């Protein structure tokens, strides 16, 4: 578990690793922190990663289960906020939530699996990818 002070640097490292792994996965280069106009009226929103060809947009979430091994409900709300931003993008974009692999210590399920099961009803058109930082691998949770 990270201290709140460490969270920004841990998140940036995860975002950098995600960019590297997804570049290989999608065969595209990614740029960090790109603002795209969304909504009506238009408002700029910075997405974590955007492919150079403007076809894939990614939000990176380096979340873990809580210290008490409960679901992190505030983090789930932030994920749902990312889904809302994705819904404001044209359908032509591939929308990806990249989540750090975090396995529940007692139940052997990951946070990405939990999120997909709990919120699948709002995830139409959104891909959930799980990034294993230890093995540096990508797993599709929901296409």
Protein backbone atom coordinates (compact mmCIF):
# COMPACT_ATOMS: atom_id res chain seq x y z
CA UNK A 1 0.00 0.00 0.00
CA UNK A 2 1.34 3.44 -0.93
CA UNK A 3 1.20 6.54 1.18
CA UNK A 4 -0.82 9.41 -0.27
CA UNK A 5 2.44 11.29 -0.81
CA UNK A 6 3.76 8.47 -3.06
CA UNK A 7 0.58 8.13 -5.15
CA UNK A 8 1.45 10.71 -7.87
CA UNK A 9 4.87 9.17 -8.64
CA UNK A 10 3.48 5.62 -8.51
CA UNK A 11 0.69 6.66 -10.88
CA UNK A 12 3.14 8.29 -13.32
CA UNK A 13 5.31 5.15 -13.36
CA UNK A 14 2.23 3.05 -14.04
CA UNK A 15 1.14 5.41 -16.83
CA UNK A 16 4.60 5.20 -18.41
CA UNK A 17 4.63 1.38 -18.24
CA UNK A 18 1.10 1.28 -19.65
CA UNK A 19 2.13 3.49 -22.58
CA UNK A 20 5.04 1.17 -23.32
CA UNK A 21 2.98 -2.03 -23.11
CA UNK A 22 0.01 -0.66 -25.07
CA UNK A 23 2.34 0.65 -27.77
CA UNK A 24 3.37 -2.96 -28.37
CA UNK A 25 -0.17 -4.30 -27.91
CA UNK A 26 -1.82 -1.88 -30.37
CA UNK A 27 1.29 -1.26 -32.53
CA UNK A 28 0.83 2.49 -31.96
CA UNK A 29 2.78 5.20 -30.18
CA UNK A 30 1.10 7.01 -27.28
CA UNK A 31 1.43 10.53 -25.93
CA UNK A 32 0.74 11.37 -22.27
CA UNK A 33 -1.68 13.96 -20.90
CA UNK A 34 -3.44 15.04 -24.09
CA UNK A 35 -6.43 17.39 -23.86
CA UNK A 36 -9.41 16.57 -26.07
CA UNK A 37 -12.53 18.71 -26.34
CA UNK A 38 -15.61 16.80 -25.16
CA UNK A 39 -19.22 17.57 -24.31
CA UNK A 40 -21.61 20.33 -25.32
CA UNK A 41 -20.51 23.03 -24.90
CA UNK A 42 -17.01 21.75 -25.62
CA UNK A 43 -14.59 21.57 -22.73
CA UNK A 44 -11.01 20.32 -22.79
CA UNK A 45 -10.34 17.18 -20.73
CA UNK A 46 -6.86 15.70 -20.33
CA UNK A 47 -6.75 11.97 -20.96
CA UNK A 48 -3.82 9.94 -19.62
CA UNK A 49 -2.74 8.48 -22.97
CA UNK A 50 -3.77 9.13 -26.57
CA UNK A 51 -2.37 7.35 -29.60
CA UNK A 52 -0.48 9.59 -32.03
CA UNK A 53 -2.99 8.72 -34.75
CA UNK A 54 -5.89 9.81 -32.48
CA UNK A 55 -7.63 6.44 -32.63
CA UNK A 56 -7.12 5.12 -29.07
CA UNK A 57 -7.64 6.97 -25.78
CA UNK A 58 -6.62 5.47 -22.43
CA UNK A 59 -7.28 6.26 -18.80
CA UNK A 60 -4.76 4.61 -16.44
CA UNK A 61 -5.83 3.53 -12.96
CA UNK A 62 -3.19 2.23 -10.53
CA UNK A 63 -5.74 1.13 -7.92
CA UNK A 64 -5.58 -1.59 -5.27
CA UNK A 65 -8.02 -3.14 -2.81
CA UNK A 66 -8.31 -1.20 0.45
CA UNK A 67 -6.13 -2.04 3.43
CA UNK A 68 -9.15 -3.80 4.93
CA UNK A 69 -9.46 -5.80 1.68
CA UNK A 70 -12.73 -4.13 0.77
CA UNK A 71 -13.68 -2.74 -2.60
CA UNK A 72 -12.40 0.83 -2.93
CA UNK A 73 -15.76 2.50 -3.54
CA UNK A 74 -14.35 6.02 -4.04
CA UNK A 75 -11.98 4.65 -6.67
CA UNK A 76 -14.87 2.88 -8.39
CA UNK A 77 -16.65 6.24 -8.59
CA UNK A 78 -13.57 7.74 -10.24
CA UNK A 79 -13.56 4.89 -12.76
CA UNK A 80 -17.19 5.64 -13.53
CA UNK A 81 -16.26 9.29 -14.05
CA UNK A 82 -13.70 8.14 -16.67
CA UNK A 83 -16.47 6.11 -18.34
CA UNK A 84 -18.59 9.28 -18.54
CA UNK A 85 -15.76 11.16 -20.25
CA UNK A 86 -15.35 8.27 -22.70
CA UNK A 87 -19.06 8.38 -23.51
CA UNK A 88 -18.60 12.00 -24.64
CA UNK A 89 -16.03 10.97 -27.28
CA UNK A 90 -17.06 9.96 -30.79
CA UNK A 91 -17.70 6.24 -31.35
CA UNK A 92 -14.74 6.14 -33.76
CA UNK A 93 -12.29 6.27 -30.83
CA UNK A 94 -11.20 3.04 -29.10
CA UNK A 95 -11.69 3.75 -25.39
CA UNK A 96 -9.56 1.83 -22.90
CA UNK A 97 -9.38 1.76 -19.13
CA UNK A 98 -6.02 0.28 -18.11
CA UNK A 99 -6.06 -1.01 -14.54
CA UNK A 100 -3.16 -2.25 -12.47
CA UNK A 101 -3.56 -5.94 -11.61
CA UNK A 102 -4.54 -6.08 -7.94
CA UNK A 103 -5.54 -9.51 -6.65
CA UNK A 104 -7.83 -9.72 -3.62
CA UNK A 105 -5.83 -11.59 -0.95
CA UNK A 106 -8.67 -13.90 0.08
CA UNK A 107 -10.86 -14.25 -2.99
CA UNK A 108 -8.33 -14.57 -5.85
CA UNK A 109 -10.24 -12.07 -7.99
CA UNK A 110 -8.73 -8.94 -9.40
CA UNK A 111 -10.03 -5.41 -9.04
CA UNK A 112 -10.47 -5.21 -12.83
CA UNK A 113 -12.60 -8.38 -12.80
CA UNK A 114 -14.68 -6.95 -9.95
CA UNK A 115 -15.16 -3.64 -11.76
CA UNK A 116 -16.23 -5.36 -14.98
CA UNK A 117 -18.74 -7.59 -13.16
CA UNK A 118 -20.16 -4.74 -11.07
CA UNK A 119 -20.39 -2.05 -13.76
CA UNK A 120 -20.63 -3.92 -17.07
CA UNK A 121 -24.02 -2.31 -17.75
CA UNK A 122 -22.30 1.08 -18.38
CA UNK A 123 -19.22 -0.25 -20.20
CA UNK A 124 -20.62 -0.61 -23.72
CA UNK A 125 -17.90 0.43 -26.17
CA UNK A 126 -15.19 0.50 -23.51
CA UNK A 127 -12.32 -1.96 -23.20
CA UNK A 128 -10.93 -2.91 -19.80
CA UNK A 129 -7.28 -3.97 -19.81
CA UNK A 130 -5.37 -5.25 -16.83
CA UNK A 131 -1.65 -4.46 -16.55
CA UNK A 132 0.49 -6.82 -14.47
CA UNK A 133 3.38 -4.61 -13.34
CA UNK A 134 5.38 -7.62 -12.10
CA UNK A 135 5.33 -9.60 -15.35
CA UNK A 136 4.76 -6.50 -17.56
CA UNK A 137 1.90 -8.19 -19.39
CA UNK A 138 -1.46 -7.04 -20.72
CA UNK A 139 -4.70 -8.98 -20.23
CA UNK A 140 -8.01 -8.06 -21.85
CA UNK A 141 -10.73 -8.19 -19.19
CA UNK A 142 -13.52 -6.79 -21.39
CA UNK A 143 -13.44 -6.00 -25.09
